Amino acid sequence: MTIQEEILEQIKRYDTIIIHRHQRPDPDAFGSQLGLKALLQASFPEKKIYAVGKAVPGLSWISESETFMDAVPNGAYHKALVIVTDTANAPRVDDQRWPEGQAVIKIDHHPNDDPFGDWQWVQEGQSATSTMIYEFYEALRPQLTMTAEAARLLYIGIIGDTGRFMYSNDSETFRVVSELFKYDFDYAKIHYNMTTISENAAKLSGYILQNVTILPSGFAYVILTRELIKQFNLGEAGTSFAVSLPSKIDTVKAWAIFEEQDEGNYRVRLRSRSIVINKIANRFEGGGHPMASGAWAQSREDIERLIQAVETALLKA
């Protein structure tokens, strides 16, 4: 029995299925979670299927339903199957009630450094967890039913994690996308929502490009303080749009956006087009993909340590 068949057998056993994903979700976290929910709702309309976690206003366009995330009572977990998508580490699961389920399945494409759950289906080489959800459907049809809404959500996840095919463009990804294109959803609307930014975000983009520090090694970084971010009045959108800006500079080989949080520490968005940086992120309370990771700096000293770590790796390369 394949792992996909085992997962389907577990899904069939339970009347209640609760789907989680990681904190601070990106399009693939939402796409895989909500895409799986839509797929299972169409396949098993008699079951109660929930998607839980905090909503992110800047990505609220992803869901076309009124509720977006479901409110799940504590008692629902006691007889439920929990599925966690696109989440490498147990502490990063959004809504920490997930261990209360009777059984837990992990579906992910990050390195399996934390193999939590009773079953793990992890494919590190995949472009997105949303790609895996489509392959799950494909491997088990006609027992599963794909819909246009599920296809739309999975497409959003793939587009998000591949950077519109800039970061991952293997033949399997394009094959899955070509299959998703057979369903009727508005591709242009998705791309509009993913590529447009507000006027204030455009002004912050100009600030970043004017103030980014580029070291001789090819590492670029910018530190965004709380006071600076407030000046640009970004509202619900946040600063996620800024992560790709340093990549537009031809001398940049790796880069980081340090964003100060209300607690005084810094969220780090770390990217590379040359060296592997997820192992560096692991040393700073983070992790992720070889070329795209997140981390945390608790102080300015941590920022300097992270900069030095990336510089060292670039110089060795």
C-alpha atoms as a PDB file:
ATOM      1  CA  MET A   1       0.000   0.000   0.000  1.00  0.00           C
ATOM      2  CA  THR A   2       1.401   3.407  -0.982  1.00  0.00           C
ATOM      3  CA  ILE A   3       1.466   6.305   1.458  1.00  0.00           C
ATOM      4  CA  GLN A   4      -1.235   8.027  -0.606  1.00  0.00           C
ATOM      5  CA  GLU A   5      -3.448   4.930  -0.308  1.00  0.00           C
ATOM      6  CA  GLU A   6      -2.797   4.785   3.444  1.00  0.00           C
ATOM      7  CA  ILE A   7      -3.773   8.451   3.812  1.00  0.00           C
ATOM      8  CA  LEU A   8      -6.993   7.850   1.894  1.00  0.00           C
ATOM      9  CA  GLU A   9      -7.816   4.852   4.102  1.00  0.00           C
ATOM     10  CA  GLN A  10      -7.413   7.059   7.180  1.00  0.00           C
ATOM     11  CA  ILE A  11      -9.612   9.757   5.625  1.00  0.00           C
ATOM     12  CA  LYS A  12     -12.331   7.175   4.985  1.00  0.00           C
ATOM     13  CA  ARG A  13     -12.230   6.035   8.635  1.00  0.00           C
ATOM     14  CA  TYR A  14     -13.085   9.394  10.180  1.00  0.00           C
ATOM     15  CA  ASP A  15     -16.252  11.473  10.083  1.00  0.00           C
ATOM     16  CA  THR A  16     -14.386  14.633  11.118  1.00  0.00           C
ATOM     17  CA  ILE A  17     -11.201  15.876   9.425  1.00  0.00           C
ATOM     18  CA  ILE A  18      -9.373  19.002  10.592  1.00  0.00           C
ATOM     19  CA  ILE A  19      -6.700  20.474   8.306  1.00  0.00           C
ATOM     20  CA  HIS A  20      -3.915  22.676   9.678  1.00  0.00           C
ATOM     21  CA  ARG A  21      -0.995  24.556   8.085  1.00  0.00           C
ATOM     22  CA  HIS A  22       1.886  26.711   9.318  1.00  0.00           C
ATOM     23  CA  GLN A  23       1.860  30.051  11.093  1.00  0.00           C
ATOM     24  CA  ARG A  24       2.333  33.228   9.017  1.00  0.00           C
ATOM     25  CA  PRO A  25       0.970  31.374   5.989  1.00  0.00           C
ATOM     26  CA  ASP A  26       2.035  31.966   2.414  1.00  0.00           C
ATOM     27  CA  PRO A  27       0.008  31.068  -0.705  1.00  0.00           C
ATOM     28  CA  ASP A  28       1.167  27.426  -0.682  1.00  0.00           C
ATOM     29  CA  ALA A  29       0.160  26.997   2.960  1.00  0.00           C
ATOM     30  CA  PHE A  30      -3.312  28.298   2.151  1.00  0.00           C
ATOM     31  CA  GLY A  31      -3.448  26.623  -1.267  1.00  0.00           C
ATOM     32  CA  SER A  32      -2.578  23.140  -0.002  1.00  0.00           C
ATOM     33  CA  GLN A  33      -4.782  23.432   3.091  1.00  0.00           C
ATOM     34  CA  LEU A  34      -7.852  24.905   1.414  1.00  0.00           C
ATOM     35  CA  GLY A  35      -7.304  22.939  -1.801  1.00  0.00           C
ATOM     36  CA  LEU A  36      -7.274  19.684   0.166  1.00  0.00           C
ATOM     37  CA  LYS A  37     -10.392  20.792   2.041  1.00  0.00           C
ATOM     38  CA  ALA A  38     -12.236  21.526  -1.222  1.00  0.00           C
ATOM     39  CA  LEU A  39     -11.086  18.203  -2.692  1.00  0.00           C
ATOM     40  CA  LEU A  40     -12.279  16.221   0.337  1.00  0.00           C
ATOM     41  CA  GLN A  41     -15.578  18.097   0.597  1.00  0.00           C
ATOM     42  CA  ALA A  42     -16.370  17.211  -3.009  1.00  0.00           C
ATOM     43  CA  SER A  43     -15.280  13.610  -2.484  1.00  0.00           C
ATOM     44  CA  PHE A  44     -16.919  13.011   0.916  1.00  0.00           C
ATOM     45  CA  PRO A  45     -19.839  15.450   1.297  1.00  0.00           C
ATOM     46  CA  GLU A  46     -21.114  13.553   4.331  1.00  0.00           C
ATOM     47  CA  LYS A  47     -17.993  14.318   6.398  1.00  0.00           C
ATOM     48  CA  LYS A  48     -17.246  17.397   8.512  1.00  0.00           C
ATOM     49  CA  ILE A  49     -14.086  18.947   7.112  1.00  0.00           C
ATOM     50  CA  TYR A  50     -12.497  22.030   8.651  1.00  0.00           C
ATOM     51  CA  ALA A  51      -9.543  24.295   7.818  1.00  0.00           C
ATOM     52  CA  VAL A  52      -8.164  26.103  10.864  1.00  0.00           C
ATOM     53  CA  GLY A  53      -5.624  28.795  11.631  1.00  0.00           C
ATOM     54  CA  LYS A  54      -5.407  32.554  11.753  1.00  0.00           C
ATOM     55  CA  ALA A  55      -6.648  34.429   8.708  1.00  0.00           C
ATOM     56  CA  VAL A  56      -4.174  36.781   7.022  1.00  0.00           C
ATOM     57  CA  PRO A  57      -5.968  39.889   5.756  1.00  0.00           C
ATOM     58  CA  GLY A  58      -3.387  40.542   3.036  1.00  0.00           C
ATOM     59  CA  LEU A  59      -4.163  37.121   1.536  1.00  0.00           C
ATOM     60  CA  SER A  60      -7.900  37.126   2.145  1.00  0.00           C
ATOM     61  CA  TRP A  61      -8.491  37.218  -1.626  1.00  0.00           C
ATOM     62  CA  ILE A  62      -7.402  33.565  -1.804  1.00  0.00           C
ATOM     63  CA  SER A  63     -10.671  32.331  -0.318  1.00  0.00           C
ATOM     64  CA  GLU A  64     -13.925  33.033  -2.099  1.00  0.00           C
ATOM     65  CA  SER A  65     -16.031  31.913   0.891  1.00  0.00           C
ATOM     66  CA  GLU A  66     -17.289  34.261   3.578  1.00  0.00           C
ATOM     67  CA  THR A  67     -15.619  32.538   6.518  1.00  0.00           C
ATOM     68  CA  PHE A  68     -12.138  31.741   5.104  1.00  0.00           C
ATOM     69  CA  MET A  69     -10.913  29.887   8.239  1.00  0.00           C
ATOM     70  CA  ASP A  70     -13.281  27.664  10.224  1.00  0.00           C
ATOM     71  CA  ALA A  71     -14.073  27.942  13.934  1.00  0.00           C
ATOM     72  CA  VAL A  72     -13.621  24.462  15.402  1.00  0.00           C
ATOM     73  CA  PRO A  73     -14.786  23.593  18.945  1.00  0.00           C
ATOM     74  CA  ASN A  74     -12.273  21.807  21.151  1.00  0.00           C
ATOM     75  CA  GLY A  75     -14.455  18.730  21.400  1.00  0.00           C
ATOM     76  CA  ALA A  76     -14.287  18.156  17.639  1.00  0.00           C
ATOM     77  CA  TYR A  77     -10.677  16.981  17.903  1.00  0.00           C
ATOM     78  CA  HIS A  78     -11.384  13.994  20.145  1.00  0.00           C
ATOM     79  CA  LYS A  79     -12.692  11.838  17.306  1.00  0.00           C
ATOM     80  CA  ALA A  80     -11.010  13.621  14.401  1.00  0.00           C
ATOM     81  CA  LEU A  81      -8.279  12.945  11.885  1.00  0.00           C
ATOM     82  CA  VAL A  82      -5.839  15.860  11.743  1.00  0.00           C
ATOM     83  CA  ILE A  83      -3.919  16.612   8.542  1.00  0.00           C
ATOM     84  CA  VAL A  84      -1.095  19.190   8.642  1.00  0.00           C
ATOM     85  CA  THR A  85       0.034  20.544   5.266  1.00  0.00           C
ATOM     86  CA  ASP A  86       3.134  22.505   4.249  1.00  0.00           C
ATOM     87  CA  THR A  87       4.614  22.612   7.767  1.00  0.00           C
ATOM     88  CA  ALA A  88       8.114  21.338   8.480  1.00  0.00           C
ATOM     89  CA  ASN A  89       8.219  21.694  12.273  1.00  0.00           C
ATOM     90  CA  ALA A  90       5.581  20.933  14.909  1.00  0.00           C
ATOM     91  CA  PRO A  91       6.000  24.273  16.778  1.00  0.00           C
ATOM     92  CA  ARG A  92       5.117  26.125  13.552  1.00  0.00           C
ATOM     93  CA  VAL A  93       1.689  24.510  13.194  1.00  0.00           C
ATOM     94  CA  ASP A  94      -0.954  27.227  13.428  1.00  0.00           C
ATOM     95  CA  ASP A  95      -3.433  26.351  16.219  1.00  0.00           C
ATOM     96  CA  GLN A  96      -1.630  24.067  18.626  1.00  0.00           C
ATOM     97  CA  ARG A  97      -4.672  21.883  19.306  1.00  0.00           C
ATOM     98  CA  TRP A  98      -3.592  19.584  16.486  1.00  0.00           C
ATOM     99  CA  PRO A  99      -2.074  16.848  18.766  1.00  0.00           C
ATOM    100  CA  GLU A 100      -5.538  16.363  20.301  1.00  0.00           C
ATOM    101  CA  GLY A 101      -6.725  14.546  17.181  1.00  0.00           C
ATOM    102  CA  GLN A 102      -6.977  10.763  17.247  1.00  0.00           C
ATOM    103  CA  ALA A 103      -4.485  10.506  14.395  1.00  0.00           C
ATOM    104  CA  VAL A 104      -2.204  12.998  12.625  1.00  0.00           C
ATOM    105  CA  ILE A 105      -0.941  13.017   9.037  1.00  0.00           C
ATOM    106  CA  LYS A 106       1.843  15.307   7.834  1.00  0.00           C
ATOM    107  CA  ILE A 107       1.939  16.269   4.128  1.00  0.00           C
ATOM    108  CA  ASP A 108       4.874  18.499   3.224  1.00  0.00           C
ATOM    109  CA  HIS A 109       7.658  19.306   0.776  1.00  0.00           C
ATOM    110  CA  HIS A 110      10.199  20.799   3.218  1.00  0.00           C
ATOM    111  CA  PRO A 111      13.107  18.778   4.659  1.00  0.00           C
ATOM    112  CA  ASN A 112      11.659  16.312   7.167  1.00  0.00           C
ATOM    113  CA  ASP A 113      13.808  17.423  10.104  1.00  0.00           C
ATOM    114  CA  ASP A 114      10.842  17.050  12.471  1.00  0.00           C
ATOM    115  CA  PRO A 115       8.863  13.926  11.462  1.00  0.00           C
ATOM    116  CA  PHE A 116       5.823  14.599  13.639  1.00  0.00           C
ATOM    117  CA  GLY A 117       2.507  12.791  13.269  1.00  0.00           C
ATOM    118  CA  ASP A 118       1.486   9.169  12.839  1.00  0.00           C
ATOM    119  CA  TRP A 119       2.059   9.251   9.073  1.00  0.00           C
ATOM    120  CA  GLN A 120       4.375  11.472   7.065  1.00  0.00           C
ATOM    121  CA  TRP A 121       4.205  11.968   3.326  1.00  0.00           C
ATOM    122  CA  VAL A 122       7.154  14.241   2.628  1.00  0.00           C
ATOM    123  CA  GLN A 123       8.649  14.896  -0.798  1.00  0.00           C
ATOM    124  CA  GLU A 124      11.472  17.365  -0.366  1.00  0.00           C
ATOM    125  CA  GLY A 125      12.057  17.811  -4.083  1.00  0.00           C
ATOM    126  CA  GLN A 126       8.534  18.962  -4.872  1.00  0.00           C
ATOM    127  CA  SER A 127       7.959  22.548  -5.949  1.00  0.00           C
ATOM    128  CA  ALA A 128       4.989  23.001  -3.595  1.00  0.00           C
ATOM    129  CA  THR A 129       2.805  21.051  -1.222  1.00  0.00           C
ATOM    130  CA  SER A 130      -0.084  22.056  -3.481  1.00  0.00           C
ATOM    131  CA  THR A 131       1.573  20.011  -6.246  1.00  0.00           C
ATOM    132  CA  MET A 132       1.494  16.997  -3.938  1.00  0.00           C
ATOM    133  CA  ILE A 133      -2.207  17.491  -3.186  1.00  0.00           C
ATOM    134  CA  TYR A 134      -2.990  17.322  -6.901  1.00  0.00           C
ATOM    135  CA  GLU A 135      -0.851  14.191  -7.243  1.00  0.00           C
ATOM    136  CA  PHE A 136      -2.751  12.699  -4.288  1.00  0.00           C
ATOM    137  CA  TYR A 137      -5.994  13.233  -6.209  1.00  0.00           C
ATOM    138  CA  GLU A 138      -4.473  11.916  -9.433  1.00  0.00           C
ATOM    139  CA  ALA A 139      -3.147   8.730  -7.826  1.00  0.00           C
ATOM    140  CA  LEU A 140      -6.501   7.848  -6.247  1.00  0.00           C
ATOM    141  CA  ARG A 141      -9.150   8.940  -8.715  1.00  0.00           C
ATOM    142  CA  PRO A 142     -11.961   8.032  -9.237  1.00  0.00           C
ATOM    143  CA  GLN A 143     -12.206   7.718  -5.449  1.00  0.00           C
ATOM    144  CA  LEU A 144     -11.547  11.460  -5.211  1.00  0.00           C
ATOM    145  CA  THR A 145     -13.318  14.307  -7.021  1.00  0.00           C
ATOM    146  CA  MET A 146     -11.476  17.380  -8.272  1.00  0.00           C
ATOM    147  CA  THR A 147     -13.390  20.649  -8.625  1.00  0.00           C
ATOM    148  CA  ALA A 148     -12.654  24.017 -10.219  1.00  0.00           C
ATOM    149  CA  GLU A 149     -12.386  25.590  -6.759  1.00  0.00           C
ATOM    150  CA  ALA A 150      -9.881  22.983  -5.567  1.00  0.00           C
ATOM    151  CA  ALA A 151      -7.889  23.438  -8.781  1.00  0.00           C
ATOM    152  CA  ARG A 152      -7.891  27.230  -8.316  1.00  0.00           C
ATOM    153  CA  LEU A 153      -6.551  26.942  -4.777  1.00  0.00           C
ATOM    154  CA  LEU A 154      -3.841  24.450  -5.733  1.00  0.00           C
ATOM    155  CA  TYR A 155      -2.776  26.659  -8.636  1.00  0.00           C
ATOM    156  CA  ILE A 156      -2.421  29.604  -6.223  1.00  0.00           C
ATOM    157  CA  GLY A 157      -0.194  27.478  -3.988  1.00  0.00           C
ATOM    158  CA  ILE A 158       2.044  26.402  -6.858  1.00  0.00           C
ATOM    159  CA  ILE A 159       2.340  29.913  -8.282  1.00  0.00           C
ATOM    160  CA  GLY A 160       3.186  31.239  -4.839  1.00  0.00           C
ATOM    161  CA  ASP A 161       5.922  28.767  -3.909  1.00  0.00           C
ATOM    162  CA  THR A 162       7.562  28.748  -7.328  1.00  0.00           C
ATOM    163  CA  GLY A 163       7.558  32.542  -7.563  1.00  0.00           C
ATOM    164  CA  ARG A 164       5.526  32.231 -10.764  1.00  0.00           C
ATOM    165  CA  PHE A 165       7.972  29.529 -11.942  1.00  0.00           C
ATOM    166  CA  MET A 166      11.121  31.582 -11.270  1.00  0.00           C
ATOM    167  CA  TYR A 167      12.383  29.441  -8.375  1.00  0.00           C
ATOM    168  CA  SER A 168      11.154  26.029  -9.472  1.00  0.00           C
ATOM    169  CA  ASN A 169      10.353  25.121 -13.046  1.00  0.00           C
ATOM    170  CA  ASP A 170      10.711  21.348 -13.336  1.00  0.00           C
ATOM    171  CA  SER A 171       8.672  19.349 -15.816  1.00  0.00           C
ATOM    172  CA  GLU A 172       6.448  17.772 -13.142  1.00  0.00           C
ATOM    173  CA  THR A 173       5.348  21.185 -11.900  1.00  0.00           C
ATOM    174  CA  PHE A 174       4.386  22.264 -15.409  1.00  0.00           C
ATOM    175  CA  ARG A 175       2.604  18.961 -15.988  1.00  0.00           C
ATOM    176  CA  VAL A 176       0.479  19.428 -12.869  1.00  0.00           C
ATOM    177  CA  VAL A 177      -0.302  23.030 -13.825  1.00  0.00           C
ATOM    178  CA  SER A 178      -1.344  21.921 -17.307  1.00  0.00           C
ATOM    179  CA  GLU A 179      -3.805  19.521 -15.679  1.00  0.00           C
ATOM    180  CA  LEU A 180      -5.162  22.251 -13.401  1.00  0.00           C
ATOM    181  CA  PHE A 181      -5.722  24.461 -16.452  1.00  0.00           C
ATOM    182  CA  LYS A 182      -8.411  22.012 -17.557  1.00  0.00           C
ATOM    183  CA  TYR A 183     -10.661  23.407 -14.824  1.00  0.00           C
ATOM    184  CA  ASP A 184     -12.610  26.628 -15.135  1.00  0.00           C
ATOM    185  CA  PHE A 185     -11.175  29.345 -12.891  1.00  0.00           C
ATOM    186  CA  ASP A 186      -9.945  32.904 -13.395  1.00  0.00           C
ATOM    187  CA  TYR A 187      -6.152  32.686 -13.874  1.00  0.00           C
ATOM    188  CA  ALA A 188      -5.836  36.395 -14.698  1.00  0.00           C
ATOM    189  CA  LYS A 189      -7.506  37.416 -11.446  1.00  0.00           C
ATOM    190  CA  ILE A 190      -5.053  35.276  -9.484  1.00  0.00           C
ATOM    191  CA  HIS A 191      -2.045  36.852 -11.164  1.00  0.00           C
ATOM    192  CA  TYR A 192      -3.476  40.339 -10.644  1.00  0.00           C
ATOM    193  CA  ASN A 193      -3.899  39.727  -6.919  1.00  0.00           C
ATOM    194  CA  MET A 194      -0.399  38.261  -6.606  1.00  0.00           C
ATOM    195  CA  THR A 195       1.475  40.936  -8.550  1.00  0.00           C
ATOM    196  CA  THR A 196      -0.170  44.265  -7.725  1.00  0.00           C
ATOM    197  CA  ILE A 197       0.728  46.360  -4.676  1.00  0.00           C
ATOM    198  CA  SER A 198      -0.680  49.508  -3.101  1.00  0.00           C
ATOM    199  CA  GLU A 199       0.768  52.992  -3.611  1.00  0.00           C
ATOM    200  CA  ASN A 200       2.255  52.921  -0.105  1.00  0.00           C
ATOM    201  CA  ALA A 201       3.845  49.544  -0.775  1.00  0.00           C
ATOM    202  CA  ALA A 202       5.358  50.973  -3.958  1.00  0.00           C
ATOM    203  CA  LYS A 203       6.836  53.839  -1.933  1.00  0.00           C
ATOM    204  CA  LEU A 204       8.340  51.396   0.573  1.00  0.00           C
ATOM    205  CA  SER A 205       9.754  49.434  -2.379  1.00  0.00           C
ATOM    206  CA  GLY A 206      11.533  52.598  -3.502  1.00  0.00           C
ATOM    207  CA  TYR A 207      12.918  53.100  -0.001  1.00  0.00           C
ATOM    208  CA  ILE A 208      14.240  49.541   0.131  1.00  0.00           C
ATOM    209  CA  LEU A 209      15.963  49.747  -3.241  1.00  0.00           C
ATOM    210  CA  GLN A 210      17.563  53.068  -2.289  1.00  0.00           C
ATOM    211  CA  ASN A 211      18.712  51.913   1.146  1.00  0.00           C
ATOM    212  CA  VAL A 212      19.650  48.276   0.656  1.00  0.00           C
ATOM    213  CA  THR A 213      23.204  47.453   1.747  1.00  0.00           C
ATOM    214  CA  ILE A 214      25.148  45.341  -0.767  1.00  0.00           C
ATOM    215  CA  LEU A 215      28.342  43.770   0.533  1.00  0.00           C
ATOM    216  CA  PRO A 216      31.303  42.824  -1.702  1.00  0.00           C
ATOM    217  CA  SER A 217      30.402  39.157  -1.215  1.00  0.00           C
ATOM    218  CA  GLY A 218      27.094  39.714  -3.027  1.00  0.00           C
ATOM    219  CA  PHE A 219      24.941  39.610   0.100  1.00  0.00           C
ATOM    220  CA  ALA A 220      22.292  42.336   0.316  1.00  0.00           C
ATOM    221  CA  TYR A 221      20.165  43.247   3.286  1.00  0.00           C
ATOM    222  CA  VAL A 222      17.878  45.925   4.640  1.00  0.00           C
ATOM    223  CA  ILE A 223      16.576  46.451   8.182  1.00  0.00           C
ATOM    224  CA  LEU A 224      12.985  47.673   8.488  1.00  0.00           C
ATOM    225  CA  THR A 225      12.225  49.120  11.915  1.00  0.00           C
ATOM    226  CA  ARG A 226       8.731  49.295  13.371  1.00  0.00           C
ATOM    227  CA  GLU A 227       8.776  53.091  13.151  1.00  0.00           C
ATOM    228  CA  LEU A 228       9.757  53.006   9.478  1.00  0.00           C
ATOM    229  CA  ILE A 229       7.053  50.496   8.565  1.00  0.00           C
ATOM    230  CA  LYS A 230       4.409  52.573  10.353  1.00  0.00           C
ATOM    231  CA  GLN A 231       5.378  55.604   8.257  1.00  0.00           C
ATOM    232  CA  PHE A 232       4.271  53.808   5.091  1.00  0.00           C
ATOM    233  CA  ASN A 233       0.854  52.840   6.502  1.00  0.00           C
ATOM    234  CA  LEU A 234       0.666  49.478   4.744  1.00  0.00           C
ATOM    235  CA  GLY A 235      -2.488  48.437   6.551  1.00  0.00           C
ATOM    236  CA  GLU A 236      -3.393  44.774   6.209  1.00  0.00           C
ATOM    237  CA  ALA A 237      -1.014  44.056   3.327  1.00  0.00           C
ATOM    238  CA  GLY A 238       2.184  43.761   5.376  1.00  0.00           C
ATOM    239  CA  THR A 239       5.674  43.656   3.872  1.00  0.00           C
ATOM    240  CA  SER A 240       5.753  40.238   2.202  1.00  0.00           C
ATOM    241  CA  PHE A 241       5.832  41.926  -1.225  1.00  0.00           C
ATOM    242  CA  ALA A 242       9.327  43.243  -0.439  1.00  0.00           C
ATOM    243  CA  VAL A 243      11.113  39.901  -0.254  1.00  0.00           C
ATOM    244  CA  SER A 244      12.014  39.733  -3.953  1.00  0.00           C
ATOM    245  CA  LEU A 245      13.139  43.353  -4.394  1.00  0.00           C
ATOM    246  CA  PRO A 246      16.916  42.873  -3.824  1.00  0.00           C
ATOM    247  CA  SER A 247      16.907  40.066  -6.400  1.00  0.00           C
ATOM    248  CA  LYS A 248      16.386  42.683  -9.103  1.00  0.00           C
ATOM    249  CA  ILE A 249      19.968  43.905  -8.574  1.00  0.00           C
ATOM    250  CA  ASP A 250      22.382  42.014 -10.817  1.00  0.00           C
ATOM    251  CA  THR A 251      25.276  41.843  -8.316  1.00  0.00           C
ATOM    252  CA  VAL A 252      23.172  40.318  -5.536  1.00  0.00           C
ATOM    253  CA  LYS A 253      23.683  36.609  -4.859  1.00  0.00           C
ATOM    254  CA  ALA A 254      21.767  36.285  -1.565  1.00  0.00           C
ATOM    255  CA  TRP A 255      19.653  38.689   0.447  1.00  0.00           C
ATOM    256  CA  ALA A 256      17.663  39.227   3.613  1.00  0.00           C
ATOM    257  CA  ILE A 257      14.850  41.476   4.784  1.00  0.00           C
ATOM    258  CA  PHE A 258      14.974  42.070   8.553  1.00  0.00           C
ATOM    259  CA  GLU A 259      11.599  43.263   9.851  1.00  0.00           C
ATOM    260  CA  GLU A 260      11.330  44.439  13.450  1.00  0.00           C
ATOM    261  CA  GLN A 261       8.383  43.005  15.362  1.00  0.00           C
ATOM    262  CA  ASP A 262       6.344  44.536  18.178  1.00  0.00           C
ATOM    263  CA  GLU A 263       8.298  42.407  20.660  1.00  0.00           C
ATOM    264  CA  GLY A 264      11.581  43.972  19.515  1.00  0.00           C
ATOM    265  CA  ASN A 265      12.957  40.941  17.679  1.00  0.00           C
ATOM    266  CA  TYR A 266      13.282  40.636  13.900  1.00  0.00           C
ATOM    267  CA  ARG A 267      11.575  38.395  11.419  1.00  0.00           C
ATOM    268  CA  VAL A 268      14.047  37.422   8.682  1.00  0.00           C
ATOM    269  CA  ARG A 269      13.112  36.631   5.093  1.00  0.00           C
ATOM    270  CA  LEU A 270      16.208  34.988   3.636  1.00  0.00           C
ATOM    271  CA  ARG A 271      16.706  34.212  -0.058  1.00  0.00           C
ATOM    272  CA  SER A 272      19.509  33.085  -2.369  1.00  0.00           C
ATOM    273  CA  ARG A 273      20.223  32.379  -6.005  1.00  0.00           C
ATOM    274  CA  SER A 274      23.643  30.826  -5.437  1.00  0.00           C
ATOM    275  CA  ILE A 275      24.303  29.240  -2.041  1.00  0.00           C
ATOM    276  CA  VAL A 276      22.108  26.981   0.110  1.00  0.00           C
ATOM    277  CA  ILE A 277      20.753  29.048   3.001  1.00  0.00           C
ATOM    278  CA  ASN A 278      18.247  26.845   4.856  1.00  0.00           C
ATOM    279  CA  LYS A 279      20.977  25.356   7.062  1.00  0.00           C
ATOM    280  CA  ILE A 280      21.944  28.884   8.083  1.00  0.00           C
ATOM    281  CA  ALA A 281      18.292  29.641   8.830  1.00  0.00           C
ATOM    282  CA  ASN A 282      18.173  26.546  11.055  1.00  0.00           C
ATOM    283  CA  ARG A 283      20.785  28.176  13.289  1.00  0.00           C
ATOM    284  CA  PHE A 284      18.498  31.176  13.780  1.00  0.00           C
ATOM    285  CA  GLU A 285      15.242  29.513  14.827  1.00  0.00           C
ATOM    286  CA  GLY A 286      14.126  29.015  11.243  1.00  0.00           C
ATOM    287  CA  GLY A 287      14.363  26.839   8.191  1.00  0.00           C
ATOM    288  CA  GLY A 288      12.762  26.238   4.850  1.00  0.00           C
ATOM    289  CA  HIS A 289      13.927  25.544   1.321  1.00  0.00           C
ATOM    290  CA  PRO A 290      17.551  25.529   0.143  1.00  0.00           C
ATOM    291  CA  MET A 291      17.120  28.897  -1.596  1.00  0.00           C
ATOM    292  CA  ALA A 292      14.168  30.386   0.334  1.00  0.00           C
ATOM    293  CA  SER A 293      13.954  30.322   4.116  1.00  0.00           C
ATOM    294  CA  GLY A 294      12.747  32.210   7.140  1.00  0.00           C
ATOM    295  CA  ALA A 295      14.519  32.857  10.436  1.00  0.00           C
ATOM    296  CA  TRP A 296      14.494  35.016  13.562  1.00  0.00           C
ATOM    297  CA  ALA A 297      17.027  37.475  14.961  1.00  0.00           C
ATOM    298  CA  GLN A 298      16.437  38.279  18.621  1.00  0.00           C
ATOM    299  CA  SER A 299      18.748  41.310  18.607  1.00  0.00           C
ATOM    300  CA  ARG A 300      20.982  43.486  16.438  1.00  0.00           C
ATOM    301  CA  GLU A 301      23.814  41.185  17.469  1.00  0.00           C
ATOM    302  CA  ASP A 302      21.916  38.253  15.968  1.00  0.00           C
ATOM    303  CA  ILE A 303      21.500  40.252  12.770  1.00  0.00           C
ATOM    304  CA  GLU A 304      25.261  40.745  12.574  1.00  0.00           C
ATOM    305  CA  ARG A 305      25.838  37.029  13.240  1.00  0.00           C
ATOM    306  CA  LEU A 306      23.419  36.031  10.483  1.00  0.00           C
ATOM    307  CA  ILE A 307      25.004  38.464   8.020  1.00  0.00           C
ATOM    308  CA  GLN A 308      28.429  37.048   8.842  1.00  0.00           C
ATOM    309  CA  ALA A 309      27.197  33.483   8.392  1.00  0.00           C
ATOM    310  CA  VAL A 310      25.836  34.188   4.924  1.00  0.00           C
ATOM    311  CA  GLU A 311      28.935  36.166   3.954  1.00  0.00           C
ATOM    312  CA  THR A 312      31.165  33.279   5.019  1.00  0.00           C
ATOM    313  CA  ALA A 313      29.135  30.845   2.906  1.00  0.00           C
ATOM    314  CA  LEU A 314      29.273  33.156  -0.118  1.00  0.00           C
ATOM    315  CA  LEU A 315      33.015  33.629   0.180  1.00  0.00           C
ATOM    316  CA  LYS A 316      33.581  29.881   0.463  1.00  0.00           C
ATOM    317  CA  ALA A 317      31.494  29.348  -2.659  1.00  0.00           C
END
